[in-house]
């Protein structure tokens, strides 16, 4: 149960981190490509769930993540597991500005 919660938390952090690194000019990805993108991002950012700062590899994933792959998996249950303020600090630490009032799944930024 605890491992599932942590993986859910990491997925949500990745979602929140990833929404600001989207290149909207890219073509739509297939479901399989999105699944791979989420898996690669989760692996790159796994230390974040243990309180560590994002690595350069994690920040790179944040910058190249596609919103259409990440936001659909952000449910209210998943959103309840993340500290949005910490996620915003992590995003900014990766060099991304966080837009106000952006909606990704069940999360809207302050």
N, C-alpha and C. Protein backbone atom coordinates (compact mmCIF):
# COMPACT_ATOMS: atom_id res chain seq x y z
N UNK A 1 0.83 -1.19 0.00
CA UNK A 1 0.00 0.00 0.00
C UNK A 1 0.87 1.26 0.00
N UNK A 2 1.89 1.26 0.84
CA UNK A 2 2.77 2.43 0.94
C UNK A 2 3.51 2.66 -0.38
N UNK A 3 3.97 1.60 -1.01
CA UNK A 3 4.67 1.74 -2.29
C UNK A 3 3.74 2.31 -3.36
N UNK A 4 2.48 1.87 -3.36
CA UNK A 4 1.52 2.38 -4.33
C UNK A 4 1.28 3.87 -4.09
N UNK A 5 1.19 4.25 -2.83
CA UNK A 5 0.98 5.67 -2.52
C UNK A 5 2.15 6.50 -3.00
N UNK A 6 3.38 6.02 -2.76
CA UNK A 6 4.56 6.76 -3.18
C UNK A 6 4.64 6.85 -4.69
N UNK A 7 4.32 5.77 -5.39
CA UNK A 7 4.38 5.85 -6.85
C UNK A 7 3.30 6.80 -7.38
N UNK A 8 2.15 6.83 -6.72
CA UNK A 8 1.11 7.78 -7.10
C UNK A 8 1.57 9.21 -6.86
N UNK A 9 2.21 9.43 -5.72
CA UNK A 9 2.73 10.75 -5.40
C UNK A 9 3.75 11.18 -6.45
N UNK A 10 4.65 10.27 -6.81
CA UNK A 10 5.67 10.60 -7.80
C UNK A 10 5.03 10.92 -9.15
N UNK A 11 4.02 10.16 -9.54
CA UNK A 11 3.35 10.42 -10.80
C UNK A 11 2.72 11.81 -10.78
N UNK A 12 2.12 12.17 -9.67
CA UNK A 12 1.51 13.49 -9.57
C UNK A 12 2.56 14.59 -9.61
N UNK A 13 3.66 14.39 -8.88
CA UNK A 13 4.74 15.38 -8.93
C UNK A 13 5.25 15.54 -10.34
N UNK A 14 5.44 14.41 -11.03
CA UNK A 14 5.88 14.48 -12.41
C UNK A 14 4.86 15.21 -13.27
N UNK A 15 3.59 14.96 -13.02
CA UNK A 15 2.55 15.64 -13.79
C UNK A 15 2.63 17.14 -13.57
N UNK A 16 2.72 17.53 -12.31
CA UNK A 16 2.77 18.96 -12.00
C UNK A 16 4.06 19.56 -12.55
N UNK A 17 5.16 18.83 -12.41
CA UNK A 17 6.42 19.32 -12.95
C UNK A 17 6.37 19.40 -14.47
N UNK A 18 5.77 18.42 -15.09
CA UNK A 18 5.79 18.32 -16.53
C UNK A 18 4.89 19.28 -17.27
N UNK A 19 3.86 19.78 -16.64
CA UNK A 19 2.90 20.59 -17.39
C UNK A 19 3.48 21.89 -17.90
N UNK A 20 4.57 22.34 -17.29
CA UNK A 20 5.13 23.61 -17.73
C UNK A 20 6.25 23.45 -18.73
N UNK A 21 6.60 22.23 -19.09
CA UNK A 21 7.67 22.00 -20.04
C UNK A 21 7.15 21.55 -21.39
N UNK A 22 5.92 21.84 -21.68
CA UNK A 22 5.28 21.31 -22.87
C UNK A 22 5.65 22.12 -24.10
N UNK A 23 5.97 21.43 -25.16
CA UNK A 23 6.17 22.06 -26.46
C UNK A 23 4.90 21.82 -27.26
N UNK A 24 4.04 22.78 -27.32
CA UNK A 24 2.73 22.60 -27.94
C UNK A 24 2.80 22.42 -29.46
N UNK A 25 3.94 22.64 -30.07
CA UNK A 25 4.06 22.47 -31.51
C UNK A 25 4.24 21.00 -31.90
N UNK A 26 4.56 20.13 -30.94
CA UNK A 26 4.78 18.72 -31.24
C UNK A 26 3.47 18.04 -31.64
N UNK A 27 3.59 17.01 -32.45
CA UNK A 27 2.43 16.22 -32.84
C UNK A 27 1.91 15.44 -31.64
N UNK A 28 0.64 15.07 -31.70
CA UNK A 28 0.03 14.29 -30.64
C UNK A 28 0.70 12.93 -30.58
N UNK A 29 0.93 12.45 -29.36
CA UNK A 29 1.57 11.16 -29.16
C UNK A 29 0.51 10.07 -29.01
N UNK A 30 0.90 8.84 -29.33
CA UNK A 30 -0.01 7.71 -29.17
C UNK A 30 -0.08 7.34 -27.68
N UNK A 31 -1.05 6.51 -27.33
CA UNK A 31 -1.19 6.04 -25.95
C UNK A 31 0.07 5.30 -25.51
N UNK A 32 0.63 4.50 -26.39
CA UNK A 32 1.85 3.75 -26.06
C UNK A 32 3.02 4.69 -25.83
N UNK A 33 3.14 5.74 -26.67
CA UNK A 33 4.23 6.70 -26.49
C UNK A 33 4.07 7.46 -25.18
N UNK A 34 2.84 7.80 -24.83
CA UNK A 34 2.58 8.49 -23.56
C UNK A 34 2.95 7.60 -22.38
N UNK A 35 2.61 6.33 -22.47
CA UNK A 35 2.93 5.40 -21.38
C UNK A 35 4.44 5.33 -21.18
N UNK A 36 5.18 5.25 -22.26
CA UNK A 36 6.64 5.22 -22.19
C UNK A 36 7.16 6.53 -21.59
N UNK A 37 6.61 7.65 -22.04
CA UNK A 37 7.05 8.95 -21.52
C UNK A 37 6.83 9.04 -20.01
N UNK A 38 5.68 8.58 -19.53
CA UNK A 38 5.41 8.62 -18.09
C UNK A 38 6.36 7.70 -17.32
N UNK A 39 6.62 6.51 -17.86
CA UNK A 39 7.53 5.56 -17.20
C UNK A 39 8.94 6.13 -17.10
N UNK A 40 9.44 6.70 -18.19
CA UNK A 40 10.78 7.28 -18.20
C UNK A 40 10.86 8.44 -17.20
N UNK A 41 9.83 9.27 -17.19
CA UNK A 41 9.80 10.39 -16.25
C UNK A 41 9.75 9.94 -14.80
N UNK A 42 8.95 8.93 -14.52
CA UNK A 42 8.88 8.40 -13.15
C UNK A 42 10.24 7.87 -12.71
N UNK A 43 10.90 7.14 -13.59
CA UNK A 43 12.22 6.61 -13.24
C UNK A 43 13.23 7.72 -13.01
N UNK A 44 13.22 8.74 -13.85
CA UNK A 44 14.18 9.84 -13.72
C UNK A 44 13.95 10.66 -12.46
N UNK A 45 12.69 10.77 -12.03
CA UNK A 45 12.35 11.64 -10.91
C UNK A 45 12.05 10.90 -9.61
N UNK A 46 12.30 9.61 -9.57
CA UNK A 46 11.99 8.81 -8.38
C UNK A 46 12.58 9.37 -7.08
N UNK A 47 13.84 9.87 -7.06
CA UNK A 47 14.39 10.39 -5.81
C UNK A 47 13.59 11.56 -5.22
N UNK A 48 12.80 12.24 -6.03
CA UNK A 48 12.00 13.36 -5.54
C UNK A 48 11.03 12.90 -4.45
N UNK A 49 10.51 11.67 -4.55
CA UNK A 49 9.55 11.21 -3.54
C UNK A 49 10.21 10.98 -2.19
N UNK A 50 11.52 10.86 -2.18
CA UNK A 50 12.24 10.68 -0.92
C UNK A 50 12.79 12.00 -0.39
N UNK A 51 12.28 13.11 -0.92
CA UNK A 51 12.65 14.43 -0.42
C UNK A 51 13.88 15.04 -1.07
N UNK A 52 14.44 14.37 -2.07
CA UNK A 52 15.62 14.91 -2.73
C UNK A 52 15.20 15.90 -3.81
N UNK A 53 16.14 16.75 -4.18
CA UNK A 53 15.89 17.68 -5.27
C UNK A 53 15.95 16.93 -6.60
N UNK A 54 15.30 17.44 -7.62
CA UNK A 54 15.34 16.77 -8.91
C UNK A 54 16.75 16.78 -9.49
N UNK A 55 17.13 15.67 -10.08
CA UNK A 55 18.43 15.55 -10.74
C UNK A 55 18.38 16.27 -12.08
N UNK A 56 19.54 16.47 -12.72
CA UNK A 56 19.52 17.04 -14.07
C UNK A 56 18.66 16.21 -15.03
N UNK A 57 18.71 14.89 -14.89
CA UNK A 57 17.90 14.02 -15.76
C UNK A 57 16.41 14.23 -15.50
N UNK A 58 16.04 14.39 -14.25
CA UNK A 58 14.64 14.65 -13.90
C UNK A 58 14.20 15.99 -14.48
N UNK A 59 15.01 17.01 -14.31
CA UNK A 59 14.66 18.33 -14.85
C UNK A 59 14.52 18.29 -16.37
N UNK A 60 15.37 17.50 -17.01
CA UNK A 60 15.25 17.35 -18.46
C UNK A 60 13.90 16.74 -18.82
N UNK A 61 13.48 15.72 -18.08
CA UNK A 61 12.17 15.10 -18.32
C UNK A 61 11.06 16.10 -18.09
N UNK A 62 11.22 16.95 -17.09
CA UNK A 62 10.24 17.99 -16.81
C UNK A 62 10.11 18.91 -18.03
N UNK A 63 11.22 19.25 -18.62
CA UNK A 63 11.20 20.18 -19.75
C UNK A 63 10.64 19.57 -21.03
N UNK A 64 10.71 18.26 -21.20
CA UNK A 64 10.25 17.65 -22.45
C UNK A 64 8.94 16.89 -22.32
N UNK A 65 8.36 16.86 -21.14
CA UNK A 65 7.10 16.13 -20.94
C UNK A 65 5.96 16.79 -21.72
N UNK A 66 5.05 15.98 -22.20
CA UNK A 66 3.89 16.45 -22.95
C UNK A 66 2.67 16.47 -22.03
N UNK A 67 2.01 17.61 -21.97
CA UNK A 67 0.86 17.76 -21.10
C UNK A 67 -0.24 16.76 -21.45
N UNK A 68 -0.40 16.45 -22.72
CA UNK A 68 -1.47 15.52 -23.10
C UNK A 68 -1.19 14.10 -22.63
N UNK A 69 0.04 13.80 -22.24
CA UNK A 69 0.36 12.49 -21.69
C UNK A 69 0.21 12.44 -20.18
N UNK A 70 0.42 13.57 -19.54
CA UNK A 70 0.49 13.58 -18.08
C UNK A 70 -0.84 13.98 -17.42
N UNK A 71 -1.44 15.05 -17.87
CA UNK A 71 -2.62 15.58 -17.19
C UNK A 71 -3.81 14.62 -17.12
N UNK A 72 -4.08 13.81 -18.13
CA UNK A 72 -5.24 12.92 -18.03
C UNK A 72 -5.17 11.92 -16.87
N UNK A 73 -3.99 11.66 -16.33
CA UNK A 73 -3.89 10.70 -15.22
C UNK A 73 -3.96 11.36 -13.86
N UNK A 74 -4.12 12.67 -13.81
CA UNK A 74 -4.20 13.38 -12.53
C UNK A 74 -5.66 13.38 -12.05
N UNK A 75 -5.96 12.46 -11.15
CA UNK A 75 -7.30 12.32 -10.59
C UNK A 75 -7.37 13.08 -9.26
N UNK A 76 -8.58 13.32 -8.74
CA UNK A 76 -8.68 13.97 -7.42
C UNK A 76 -7.95 13.17 -6.33
N UNK A 77 -8.01 11.85 -6.40
CA UNK A 77 -7.33 11.01 -5.40
C UNK A 77 -5.82 11.21 -5.47
N UNK A 78 -5.30 11.25 -6.68
CA UNK A 78 -3.88 11.48 -6.88
C UNK A 78 -3.48 12.89 -6.47
N UNK A 79 -4.30 13.87 -6.80
CA UNK A 79 -4.01 15.27 -6.46
C UNK A 79 -3.93 15.48 -4.95
N UNK A 80 -4.68 14.69 -4.19
CA UNK A 80 -4.68 14.85 -2.73
C UNK A 80 -3.36 14.42 -2.10
N UNK A 81 -2.52 13.74 -2.83
CA UNK A 81 -1.26 13.21 -2.29
C UNK A 81 -0.07 14.15 -2.41
N UNK A 82 -0.24 15.27 -3.10
CA UNK A 82 0.92 16.12 -3.37
C UNK A 82 0.82 17.47 -2.66
N UNK A 83 1.99 17.97 -2.27
CA UNK A 83 2.10 19.32 -1.73
C UNK A 83 2.37 20.23 -2.93
N UNK A 84 1.35 20.95 -3.37
CA UNK A 84 1.46 21.76 -4.57
C UNK A 84 2.55 22.82 -4.45
N UNK A 85 2.71 23.41 -3.28
CA UNK A 85 3.76 24.43 -3.10
C UNK A 85 5.15 23.84 -3.30
N UNK A 86 5.37 22.62 -2.80
CA UNK A 86 6.67 21.97 -3.00
C UNK A 86 6.87 21.67 -4.48
N UNK A 87 5.83 21.19 -5.14
CA UNK A 87 5.93 20.88 -6.56
C UNK A 87 6.29 22.14 -7.36
N UNK A 88 5.69 23.26 -7.02
CA UNK A 88 6.00 24.51 -7.72
C UNK A 88 7.45 24.91 -7.49
N UNK A 89 7.94 24.76 -6.26
CA UNK A 89 9.36 25.06 -6.00
C UNK A 89 10.28 24.16 -6.83
N UNK A 90 9.90 22.89 -6.96
CA UNK A 90 10.70 21.96 -7.76
C UNK A 90 10.70 22.36 -9.24
N UNK A 91 9.55 22.76 -9.72
CA UNK A 91 9.43 23.20 -11.12
C UNK A 91 10.34 24.40 -11.35
N UNK A 92 10.25 25.37 -10.47
CA UNK A 92 11.06 26.57 -10.62
C UNK A 92 12.54 26.24 -10.49
N UNK A 93 12.88 25.25 -9.68
CA UNK A 93 14.27 24.81 -9.56
C UNK A 93 14.79 24.18 -10.85
N UNK A 94 13.88 23.69 -11.67
CA UNK A 94 14.26 23.13 -12.97
C UNK A 94 14.27 24.21 -14.06
N UNK A 95 14.05 25.46 -13.67
CA UNK A 95 14.14 26.55 -14.63
C UNK A 95 12.85 26.88 -15.35
N UNK A 96 11.72 26.45 -14.82
CA UNK A 96 10.43 26.73 -15.46
C UNK A 96 9.62 27.70 -14.62
N UNK A 97 8.97 28.63 -15.30
CA UNK A 97 8.03 29.53 -14.64
C UNK A 97 6.71 28.80 -14.54
N UNK A 98 6.03 28.96 -13.42
CA UNK A 98 4.75 28.30 -13.21
C UNK A 98 3.61 29.28 -13.51
N UNK A 99 2.80 28.99 -14.52
CA UNK A 99 1.69 29.90 -14.82
C UNK A 99 0.62 29.84 -13.74
N UNK A 100 0.02 30.96 -13.47
CA UNK A 100 -1.06 31.00 -12.47
C UNK A 100 -2.34 30.43 -13.07
N UNK A 101 -3.10 29.76 -12.23
CA UNK A 101 -4.43 29.24 -12.58
C UNK A 101 -4.42 28.24 -13.74
N UNK A 102 -3.32 27.49 -13.87
CA UNK A 102 -3.24 26.48 -14.91
C UNK A 102 -3.90 25.20 -14.40
N UNK A 103 -4.74 24.57 -15.21
CA UNK A 103 -5.43 23.35 -14.79
C UNK A 103 -4.82 22.15 -15.50
N UNK A 104 -4.43 21.18 -14.68
CA UNK A 104 -3.89 19.92 -15.18
C UNK A 104 -4.61 18.81 -14.44
N UNK A 105 -5.49 18.11 -15.12
CA UNK A 105 -6.28 17.07 -14.44
C UNK A 105 -7.11 17.72 -13.34
N UNK A 106 -6.91 17.27 -12.12
CA UNK A 106 -7.66 17.78 -10.98
C UNK A 106 -6.95 18.89 -10.23
N UNK A 107 -5.82 19.37 -10.74
CA UNK A 107 -5.04 20.40 -10.05
C UNK A 107 -5.14 21.71 -10.81
N UNK A 108 -5.36 22.78 -10.05
CA UNK A 108 -5.26 24.14 -10.59
C UNK A 108 -4.25 24.87 -9.75
N UNK A 109 -3.24 25.47 -10.40
CA UNK A 109 -2.21 26.17 -9.65
C UNK A 109 -2.77 27.45 -9.06
N UNK A 110 -2.16 27.86 -7.93
CA UNK A 110 -2.64 29.11 -7.30
C UNK A 110 -2.29 30.33 -8.13
